[in-house]
Structure formats: structure tokens, C-alpha cells
């Protein structure tokens, strides 16, 4: 996908959208579409769609995991193993006060934000393919 050089403002909105899982991007999109009535650039729309997809997938994963762990915790012996894995991955501080999963999520957001800040299109294997299909 080719695009013209994005402005610094588009880059900053994209970075903010990734760091807030789409919240700043959604506010800017609604403000721009309803109040300002200006067309958004392709670079900005691409990054906004990708951050929205990331936030939706994160919410789905969180709810599915809560259901999964709630069911498997009740199984004797295996439930104890799942509980120990859950405590290690989600509740034990690994880096400062962050759990392992939160640290991985932070690294992903830093990667996406830094690529967007340089004006390039970030790539995540499955999510970028979905974004390109939605972008057409």
C-alpha cells in the first residue's frame, strides 16, 4: 500500500491511538468527521482501523480468558495447575510492577507507536491482513 508522507499531526494521532488502544483515534475520527468535516488521510485511517481491531481483539481475548480460567479452575488437579499458570502470567510482577502479559502488551504498543511515529505502516501478521481487507 503506497501513501504520501503523513504529517506530524497524523503521526501523533496514530501514536496516541495505539497507546490508548484506539480511544484517541476514535475521538479524533468523530471530531474530524462531525465537527470539522475534513477527510482523513489514508495513513491515519489505516492506523485507526488497526488500533480499533487490536482493542476489539484484546477485549475478546480478555473475556474469553476469564470464562476459560473460571471453568478450568474447578477441575481437580488440573485447575490448580491452571491457577498457578494464571498467577504467574497475570499477577506476578516481572518488570517493576507489571505482569508478564502486561509487559508483552507494553512492548507491542511501543513497537506500534514507534513505527507510526516514523511515518511507516506497522505490521502485525494477522491483524494487518485484516486491516488491509477492511481498508479497501
Foldseek 3Di string as FASTA:
>chain_A
DDFDQDDLVLLVLLLVCLVVLQPSLVVVVCCCVPPVVDDDGLLSLLSNQLSVVVSVVVVVVVVVVVVVLVVQLPDPPRNVVSVVVCCQQAPDDDDDRGGNVVVVSVVVSVQCSVCSSVRHHDDDPPSSVVSVVVSD
